[in-house]
Amino acid sequence: MDLGGSDRMSMAWFMNWLNARRDLPMRSFLRDVFSDLVFSQHMRVALSRFDGSSQRLRFLLGDQGIEPTSSSGRAQR
């Protein structure tokens, strides 16, 4: 249950994360899911695969929160 820790989201880490948010309103809980789990995991994987030239990031933390990068093909124009 403890394998991985916060950088790999072990089951123990996830249960602690979940228990800490069980009384949050749904909107706040979903915000945390996307920022703490989805976005941060995306950043970890993309940065670990960065080879110095190929842009692998599809989202970044911008002025309006999490935003798509221009390489994602969905950036606001």
PDB file of N, CA and C in Angstrom:
ATOM      1  N   MET A   1       0.810  -1.202   0.000  1.00  0.00           N
ATOM      2  CA  MET A   1       0.000   0.000   0.000  1.00  0.00           C
ATOM      3  C   MET A   1       0.854   1.266   0.000  1.00  0.00           C
ATOM      4  N   ASP A   2       2.077   1.188   0.528  1.00  0.00           N
ATOM      5  CA  ASP A   2       2.908   2.394   0.622  1.00  0.00           C
ATOM      6  C   ASP A   2       3.876   2.555  -0.538  1.00  0.00           C
ATOM      7  N   LEU A   3       3.875   1.639  -1.473  1.00  0.00           N
ATOM      8  CA  LEU A   3       4.812   1.741  -2.586  1.00  0.00           C
ATOM      9  C   LEU A   3       4.508   2.966  -3.433  1.00  0.00           C
ATOM     10  N   GLY A   4       5.536   3.694  -3.773  1.00  0.00           N
ATOM     11  CA  GLY A   4       5.376   4.817  -4.679  1.00  0.00           C
ATOM     12  C   GLY A   4       5.420   6.177  -4.016  1.00  0.00           C
ATOM     13  N   GLY A   5       4.759   6.353  -2.905  1.00  0.00           N
ATOM     14  CA  GLY A   5       4.740   7.655  -2.257  1.00  0.00           C
ATOM     15  C   GLY A   5       3.964   8.671  -3.077  1.00  0.00           C
ATOM     16  N   SER A   6       4.132   9.954  -2.749  1.00  0.00           N
ATOM     17  CA  SER A   6       3.350  10.990  -3.424  1.00  0.00           C
ATOM     18  C   SER A   6       3.736  11.159  -4.885  1.00  0.00           C
ATOM     19  N   ASP A   7       4.995  10.864  -5.239  1.00  0.00           N
ATOM     20  CA  ASP A   7       5.394  11.027  -6.639  1.00  0.00           C
ATOM     21  C   ASP A   7       4.823   9.942  -7.534  1.00  0.00           C
ATOM     22  N   ARG A   8       4.416   8.822  -6.975  1.00  0.00           N
ATOM     23  CA  ARG A   8       3.815   7.748  -7.763  1.00  0.00           C
ATOM     24  C   ARG A   8       2.393   7.431  -7.314  1.00  0.00           C
ATOM     25  N   MET A   9       1.875   8.166  -6.353  1.00  0.00           N
ATOM     26  CA  MET A   9       0.500   8.011  -5.884  1.00  0.00           C
ATOM     27  C   MET A   9       0.187   6.588  -5.426  1.00  0.00           C
ATOM     28  N   SER A  10       0.855   6.157  -4.367  1.00  0.00           N
ATOM     29  CA  SER A  10       0.565   4.845  -3.803  1.00  0.00           C
ATOM     30  C   SER A  10      -0.868   4.816  -3.285  1.00  0.00           C
ATOM     31  N   MET A  11      -1.383   3.632  -3.035  1.00  0.00           N
ATOM     32  CA  MET A  11      -2.741   3.517  -2.494  1.00  0.00           C
ATOM     33  C   MET A  11      -2.848   4.202  -1.136  1.00  0.00           C
ATOM     34  N   ALA A  12      -1.826   4.065  -0.288  1.00  0.00           N
ATOM     35  CA  ALA A  12      -1.843   4.712   1.030  1.00  0.00           C
ATOM     36  C   ALA A  12      -1.859   6.230   0.862  1.00  0.00           C
ATOM     37  N   TRP A  13      -1.027   6.743  -0.025  1.00  0.00           N
ATOM     38  CA  TRP A  13      -1.012   8.182  -0.282  1.00  0.00           C
ATOM     39  C   TRP A  13      -2.367   8.655  -0.790  1.00  0.00           C
ATOM     40  N   PHE A  14      -2.949   7.907  -1.732  1.00  0.00           N
ATOM     41  CA  PHE A  14      -4.234   8.286  -2.299  1.00  0.00           C
ATOM     42  C   PHE A  14      -5.338   8.268  -1.243  1.00  0.00           C
ATOM     43  N   MET A  15      -5.346   7.264  -0.380  1.00  0.00           N
ATOM     44  CA  MET A  15      -6.364   7.199   0.671  1.00  0.00           C
ATOM     45  C   MET A  15      -6.228   8.385   1.628  1.00  0.00           C
ATOM     46  N   ASN A  16      -5.007   8.758   1.971  1.00  0.00           N
ATOM     47  CA  ASN A  16      -4.798   9.942   2.821  1.00  0.00           C
ATOM     48  C   ASN A  16      -5.264  11.200   2.107  1.00  0.00           C
ATOM     49  N   TRP A  17      -4.935  11.304   0.821  1.00  0.00           N
ATOM     50  CA  TRP A  17      -5.357  12.455   0.012  1.00  0.00           C
ATOM     51  C   TRP A  17      -6.880  12.538  -0.027  1.00  0.00           C
ATOM     52  N   LEU A  18      -7.518  11.402  -0.271  1.00  0.00           N
ATOM     53  CA  LEU A  18      -8.971  11.338  -0.360  1.00  0.00           C
ATOM     54  C   LEU A  18      -9.628  11.675   0.978  1.00  0.00           C
ATOM     55  N   ASN A  19      -9.126  11.102   2.063  1.00  0.00           N
ATOM     56  CA  ASN A  19      -9.692  11.366   3.392  1.00  0.00           C
ATOM     57  C   ASN A  19      -9.569  12.835   3.785  1.00  0.00           C
ATOM     58  N   ALA A  20      -8.503  13.482   3.367  1.00  0.00           N
ATOM     59  CA  ALA A  20      -8.311  14.894   3.690  1.00  0.00           C
ATOM     60  C   ALA A  20      -9.319  15.784   2.971  1.00  0.00           C
ATOM     61  N   ARG A  21      -9.986  15.265   1.952  1.00  0.00           N
ATOM     62  CA  ARG A  21     -10.910  16.061   1.139  1.00  0.00           C
ATOM     63  C   ARG A  21     -12.353  15.580   1.219  1.00  0.00           C
ATOM     64  N   ARG A  22     -12.646  14.659   2.097  1.00  0.00           N
ATOM     65  CA  ARG A  22     -13.988  14.067   2.117  1.00  0.00           C
ATOM     66  C   ARG A  22     -15.093  15.045   2.496  1.00  0.00           C
ATOM     67  N   ASP A  23     -14.756  16.144   3.156  1.00  0.00           N
ATOM     68  CA  ASP A  23     -15.779  17.122   3.537  1.00  0.00           C
ATOM     69  C   ASP A  23     -15.834  18.340   2.616  1.00  0.00           C
ATOM     70  N   LEU A  24     -15.061  18.315   1.568  1.00  0.00           N
ATOM     71  CA  LEU A  24     -15.053  19.450   0.634  1.00  0.00           C
ATOM     72  C   LEU A  24     -16.312  19.454  -0.233  1.00  0.00           C
ATOM     73  N   PRO A  25     -16.743  20.631  -0.651  1.00  0.00           N
ATOM     74  CA  PRO A  25     -17.813  20.684  -1.660  1.00  0.00           C
ATOM     75  C   PRO A  25     -17.314  20.035  -2.957  1.00  0.00           C
ATOM     76  N   MET A  26     -18.228  19.504  -3.732  1.00  0.00           N
ATOM     77  CA  MET A  26     -17.863  18.779  -4.962  1.00  0.00           C
ATOM     78  C   MET A  26     -16.988  19.627  -5.880  1.00  0.00           C
ATOM     79  N   ARG A  27     -17.293  20.895  -6.021  1.00  0.00           N
ATOM     80  CA  ARG A  27     -16.514  21.781  -6.912  1.00  0.00           C
ATOM     81  C   ARG A  27     -15.053  21.847  -6.467  1.00  0.00           C
ATOM     82  N   SER A  28     -14.817  21.986  -5.175  1.00  0.00           N
ATOM     83  CA  SER A  28     -13.454  22.045  -4.641  1.00  0.00           C
ATOM     84  C   SER A  28     -12.757  20.702  -4.784  1.00  0.00           C
ATOM     85  N   PHE A  29     -13.498  19.630  -4.556  1.00  0.00           N
ATOM     86  CA  PHE A  29     -12.925  18.291  -4.701  1.00  0.00           C
ATOM     87  C   PHE A  29     -12.480  18.047  -6.143  1.00  0.00           C
ATOM     88  N   LEU A  30     -13.338  18.384  -7.093  1.00  0.00           N
ATOM     89  CA  LEU A  30     -12.987  18.191  -8.510  1.00  0.00           C
ATOM     90  C   LEU A  30     -11.814  19.068  -8.920  1.00  0.00           C
ATOM     91  N   ARG A  31     -11.749  20.300  -8.404  1.00  0.00           N
ATOM     92  CA  ARG A  31     -10.598  21.167  -8.680  1.00  0.00           C
ATOM     93  C   ARG A  31      -9.316  20.483  -8.204  1.00  0.00           C
ATOM     94  N   ASP A  32      -9.354  19.906  -6.992  1.00  0.00           N
ATOM     95  CA  ASP A  32      -8.182  19.214  -6.458  1.00  0.00           C
ATOM     96  C   ASP A  32      -7.832  17.969  -7.264  1.00  0.00           C
ATOM     97  N   VAL A  33      -8.845  17.254  -7.750  1.00  0.00           N
ATOM     98  CA  VAL A  33      -8.579  16.070  -8.584  1.00  0.00           C
ATOM     99  C   VAL A  33      -7.767  16.486  -9.804  1.00  0.00           C
ATOM    100  N   PHE A  34      -8.220  17.547 -10.488  1.00  0.00           N
ATOM    101  CA  PHE A  34      -7.522  17.960 -11.701  1.00  0.00           C
ATOM    102  C   PHE A  34      -6.165  18.581 -11.413  1.00  0.00           C
ATOM    103  N   SER A  35      -6.055  19.402 -10.375  1.00  0.00           N
ATOM    104  CA  SER A  35      -4.769  20.054 -10.110  1.00  0.00           C
ATOM    105  C   SER A  35      -3.782  19.129  -9.418  1.00  0.00           C
ATOM    106  N   ASP A  36      -4.230  18.347  -8.431  1.00  0.00           N
ATOM    107  CA  ASP A  36      -3.318  17.496  -7.659  1.00  0.00           C
ATOM    108  C   ASP A  36      -3.030  16.161  -8.323  1.00  0.00           C
ATOM    109  N   LEU A  37      -3.978  15.627  -9.042  1.00  0.00           N
ATOM    110  CA  LEU A  37      -3.802  14.293  -9.616  1.00  0.00           C
ATOM    111  C   LEU A  37      -3.538  14.336 -11.117  1.00  0.00           C
ATOM    112  N   VAL A  38      -4.443  14.855 -11.892  1.00  0.00           N
ATOM    113  CA  VAL A  38      -4.317  14.818 -13.352  1.00  0.00           C
ATOM    114  C   VAL A  38      -3.187  15.726 -13.840  1.00  0.00           C
ATOM    115  N   PHE A  39      -3.237  17.011 -13.484  1.00  0.00           N
ATOM    116  CA  PHE A  39      -2.247  17.960 -13.993  1.00  0.00           C
ATOM    117  C   PHE A  39      -0.847  17.647 -13.473  1.00  0.00           C
ATOM    118  N   SER A  40      -0.726  17.381 -12.196  1.00  0.00           N
ATOM    119  CA  SER A  40       0.613  17.133 -11.641  1.00  0.00           C
ATOM    120  C   SER A  40       1.209  15.836 -12.190  1.00  0.00           C
ATOM    121  N   GLN A  41       0.379  14.817 -12.417  1.00  0.00           N
ATOM    122  CA  GLN A  41       0.894  13.584 -13.014  1.00  0.00           C
ATOM    123  C   GLN A  41       1.322  13.840 -14.460  1.00  0.00           C
ATOM    124  N   HIS A  42       0.548  14.628 -15.184  1.00  0.00           N
ATOM    125  CA  HIS A  42       0.912  14.994 -16.557  1.00  0.00           C
ATOM    126  C   HIS A  42       2.271  15.689 -16.576  1.00  0.00           C
ATOM    127  N   MET A  43       2.457  16.641 -15.659  1.00  0.00           N
ATOM    128  CA  MET A  43       3.729  17.365 -15.592  1.00  0.00           C
ATOM    129  C   MET A  43       4.887  16.427 -15.269  1.00  0.00           C
ATOM    130  N   ARG A  44       4.700  15.544 -14.306  1.00  0.00           N
ATOM    131  CA  ARG A  44       5.773  14.606 -13.938  1.00  0.00           C
ATOM    132  C   ARG A  44       6.182  13.729 -15.110  1.00  0.00           C
ATOM    133  N   VAL A  45       5.206  13.174 -15.796  1.00  0.00           N
ATOM    134  CA  VAL A  45       5.505  12.282 -16.919  1.00  0.00           C
ATOM    135  C   VAL A  45       6.139  13.063 -18.074  1.00  0.00           C
ATOM    136  N   ALA A  46       5.555  14.192 -18.433  1.00  0.00           N
ATOM    137  CA  ALA A  46       6.079  14.976 -19.558  1.00  0.00           C
ATOM    138  C   ALA A  46       7.499  15.459 -19.284  1.00  0.00           C
ATOM    139  N   LEU A  47       7.757  15.941 -18.075  1.00  0.00           N
ATOM    140  CA  LEU A  47       9.104  16.427 -17.757  1.00  0.00           C
ATOM    141  C   LEU A  47      10.113  15.298 -17.678  1.00  0.00           C
ATOM    142  N   SER A  48       9.688  14.132 -17.222  1.00  0.00           N
ATOM    143  CA  SER A  48      10.618  13.004 -17.146  1.00  0.00           C
ATOM    144  C   SER A  48      10.982  12.496 -18.539  1.00  0.00           C
ATOM    145  N   ARG A  49      10.126  12.746 -19.523  1.00  0.00           N
ATOM    146  CA  ARG A  49      10.386  12.302 -20.896  1.00  0.00           C
ATOM    147  C   ARG A  49      11.022  13.382 -21.766  1.00  0.00           C
ATOM    148  N   PHE A  50      11.245  14.571 -21.207  1.00  0.00           N
ATOM    149  CA  PHE A  50      11.799  15.674 -21.995  1.00  0.00           C
ATOM    150  C   PHE A  50      13.218  15.338 -22.443  1.00  0.00           C
ATOM    151  N   ASP A  51      13.466  15.417 -23.730  1.00  0.00           N
ATOM    152  CA  ASP A  51      14.773  15.050 -24.281  1.00  0.00           C
ATOM    153  C   ASP A  51      15.620  16.270 -24.634  1.00  0.00           C
ATOM    154  N   GLY A  52      15.163  17.457 -24.277  1.00  0.00           N
ATOM    155  CA  GLY A  52      15.912  18.666 -24.553  1.00  0.00           C
ATOM    156  C   GLY A  52      15.485  19.379 -25.819  1.00  0.00           C
ATOM    157  N   SER A  53      14.652  18.720 -26.628  1.00  0.00           N
ATOM    158  CA  SER A  53      14.218  19.372 -27.862  1.00  0.00           C
ATOM    159  C   SER A  53      12.720  19.197 -28.137  1.00  0.00           C
ATOM    160  N   SER A  54      12.174  18.031 -27.919  1.00  0.00           N
ATOM    161  CA  SER A  54      10.757  17.790 -28.224  1.00  0.00           C
ATOM    162  C   SER A  54       9.866  18.270 -27.089  1.00  0.00           C
ATOM    163  N   GLN A  55       8.922  19.134 -27.421  1.00  0.00           N
ATOM    164  CA  GLN A  55       7.967  19.640 -26.433  1.00  0.00           C
ATOM    165  C   GLN A  55       6.897  18.588 -26.201  1.00  0.00           C
ATOM    166  N   ARG A  56       6.841  18.073 -24.987  1.00  0.00           N
ATOM    167  CA  ARG A  56       5.846  17.046 -24.664  1.00  0.00           C
ATOM    168  C   ARG A  56       4.730  17.576 -23.772  1.00  0.00           C
ATOM    169  N   LEU A  57       4.886  18.792 -23.290  1.00  0.00           N
ATOM    170  CA  LEU A  57       3.852  19.358 -22.423  1.00  0.00           C
ATOM    171  C   LEU A  57       2.650  19.772 -23.255  1.00  0.00           C
ATOM    172  N   ARG A  58       1.491  19.348 -22.859  1.00  0.00           N
ATOM    173  CA  ARG A  58       0.254  19.713 -23.552  1.00  0.00           C
ATOM    174  C   ARG A  58      -0.561  20.706 -22.742  1.00  0.00           C
ATOM    175  N   PHE A  59      -0.232  20.836 -21.447  1.00  0.00           N
ATOM    176  CA  PHE A  59      -0.901  21.781 -20.564  1.00  0.00           C
ATOM    177  C   PHE A  59       0.141  22.480 -19.717  1.00  0.00           C
ATOM    178  N   LEU A  60      -0.163  23.701 -19.306  1.00  0.00           N
ATOM    179  CA  LEU A  60       0.726  24.447 -18.422  1.00  0.00           C
ATOM    180  C   LEU A  60      -0.105  25.239 -17.442  1.00  0.00           C
ATOM    181  N   LEU A  61       0.548  25.755 -16.412  1.00  0.00           N
ATOM    182  CA  LEU A  61      -0.136  26.569 -15.425  1.00  0.00           C
ATOM    183  C   LEU A  61       0.000  28.017 -15.851  1.00  0.00           C
ATOM    184  N   GLY A  62      -1.098  28.582 -16.350  1.00  0.00           N
ATOM    185  CA  GLY A  62      -1.086  29.951 -16.870  1.00  0.00           C
ATOM    186  C   GLY A  62      -1.843  30.907 -15.973  1.00  0.00           C
ATOM    187  N   ASP A  63      -2.085  32.109 -16.468  1.00  0.00           N
ATOM    188  CA  ASP A  63      -2.795  33.141 -15.706  1.00  0.00           C
ATOM    189  C   ASP A  63      -4.222  32.738 -15.360  1.00  0.00           C
ATOM    190  N   GLN A  64      -4.829  31.928 -16.186  1.00  0.00           N
ATOM    191  CA  GLN A  64      -6.213  31.507 -15.972  1.00  0.00           C
ATOM    192  C   GLN A  64      -6.319  30.104 -15.384  1.00  0.00           C
ATOM    193  N   GLY A  65      -5.228  29.588 -14.832  1.00  0.00           N
ATOM    194  CA  GLY A  65      -5.226  28.229 -14.297  1.00  0.00           C
ATOM    195  C   GLY A  65      -4.550  27.284 -15.277  1.00  0.00           C
ATOM    196  N   ILE A  66      -5.040  26.064 -15.356  1.00  0.00           N
ATOM    197  CA  ILE A  66      -4.466  25.070 -16.262  1.00  0.00           C
ATOM    198  C   ILE A  66      -4.942  25.377 -17.676  1.00  0.00           C
ATOM    199  N   GLU A  67      -3.977  25.567 -18.587  1.00  0.00           N
ATOM    200  CA  GLU A  67      -4.294  25.946 -19.959  1.00  0.00           C
ATOM    201  C   GLU A  67      -3.545  25.033 -20.925  1.00  0.00           C
ATOM    202  N   PRO A  68      -4.126  24.766 -22.108  1.00  0.00           N
ATOM    203  CA  PRO A  68      -3.421  23.966 -23.110  1.00  0.00           C
ATOM    204  C   PRO A  68      -2.257  24.760 -23.707  1.00  0.00           C
ATOM    205  N   THR A  69      -1.195  24.078 -24.080  1.00  0.00           N
ATOM    206  CA  THR A  69      -0.067  24.733 -24.751  1.00  0.00           C
ATOM    207  C   THR A  69      -0.379  24.858 -26.236  1.00  0.00           C
ATOM    208  N   SER A  70       0.423  25.652 -26.934  1.00  0.00           N
ATOM    209  CA  SER A  70       0.209  25.794 -28.368  1.00  0.00           C
ATOM    210  C   SER A  70       0.461  24.475 -29.103  1.00  0.00           C
ATOM    211  N   SER A  71       1.325  23.625 -28.550  1.00  0.00           N
ATOM    212  CA  SER A  71       1.606  22.342 -29.209  1.00  0.00           C
ATOM    213  C   SER A  71       0.466  21.345 -29.053  1.00  0.00           C
ATOM    214  N   SER A  72      -0.497  21.638 -28.191  1.00  0.00           N
ATOM    215  CA  SER A  72      -1.623  20.731 -28.024  1.00  0.00           C
ATOM    216  C   SER A  72      -2.642  20.870 -29.148  1.00  0.00           C
ATOM    217  N   GLY A  73      -2.560  21.995 -29.879  1.00  0.00           N
ATOM    218  CA  GLY A  73      -3.521  22.235 -30.945  1.00  0.00           C
ATOM    219  C   GLY A  73      -4.832  22.805 -30.442  1.00  0.00           C
ATOM    220  N   ARG A  74      -4.917  23.073 -29.134  1.00  0.00           N
ATOM    221  CA  ARG A  74      -6.154  23.584 -28.555  1.00  0.00           C
ATOM    222  C   ARG A  74      -5.944  24.911 -27.824  1.00  0.00           C
ATOM    223  N   ALA A  75      -4.815  25.499 -27.976  1.00  0.00           N
ATOM    224  CA  ALA A  75      -4.528  26.766 -27.278  1.00  0.00           C
ATOM    225  C   ALA A  75      -5.468  27.852 -27.769  1.00  0.00           C
ATOM    226  N   GLN A  76      -5.820  28.742 -26.857  1.00  0.00           N
ATOM    227  CA  GLN A  76      -6.686  29.859 -27.241  1.00  0.00           C
ATOM    228  C   GLN A  76      -5.906  30.823 -28.107  1.00  0.00           C
ATOM    229  N   ARG A  77      -6.552  31.337 -29.086  1.00  0.00           N
ATOM    230  CA  ARG A  77      -5.894  32.264 -30.008  1.00  0.00           C
ATOM    231  C   ARG A  77      -6.339  33.660 -29.738  1.00  0.00           C
TER     232      ARG A  77
END
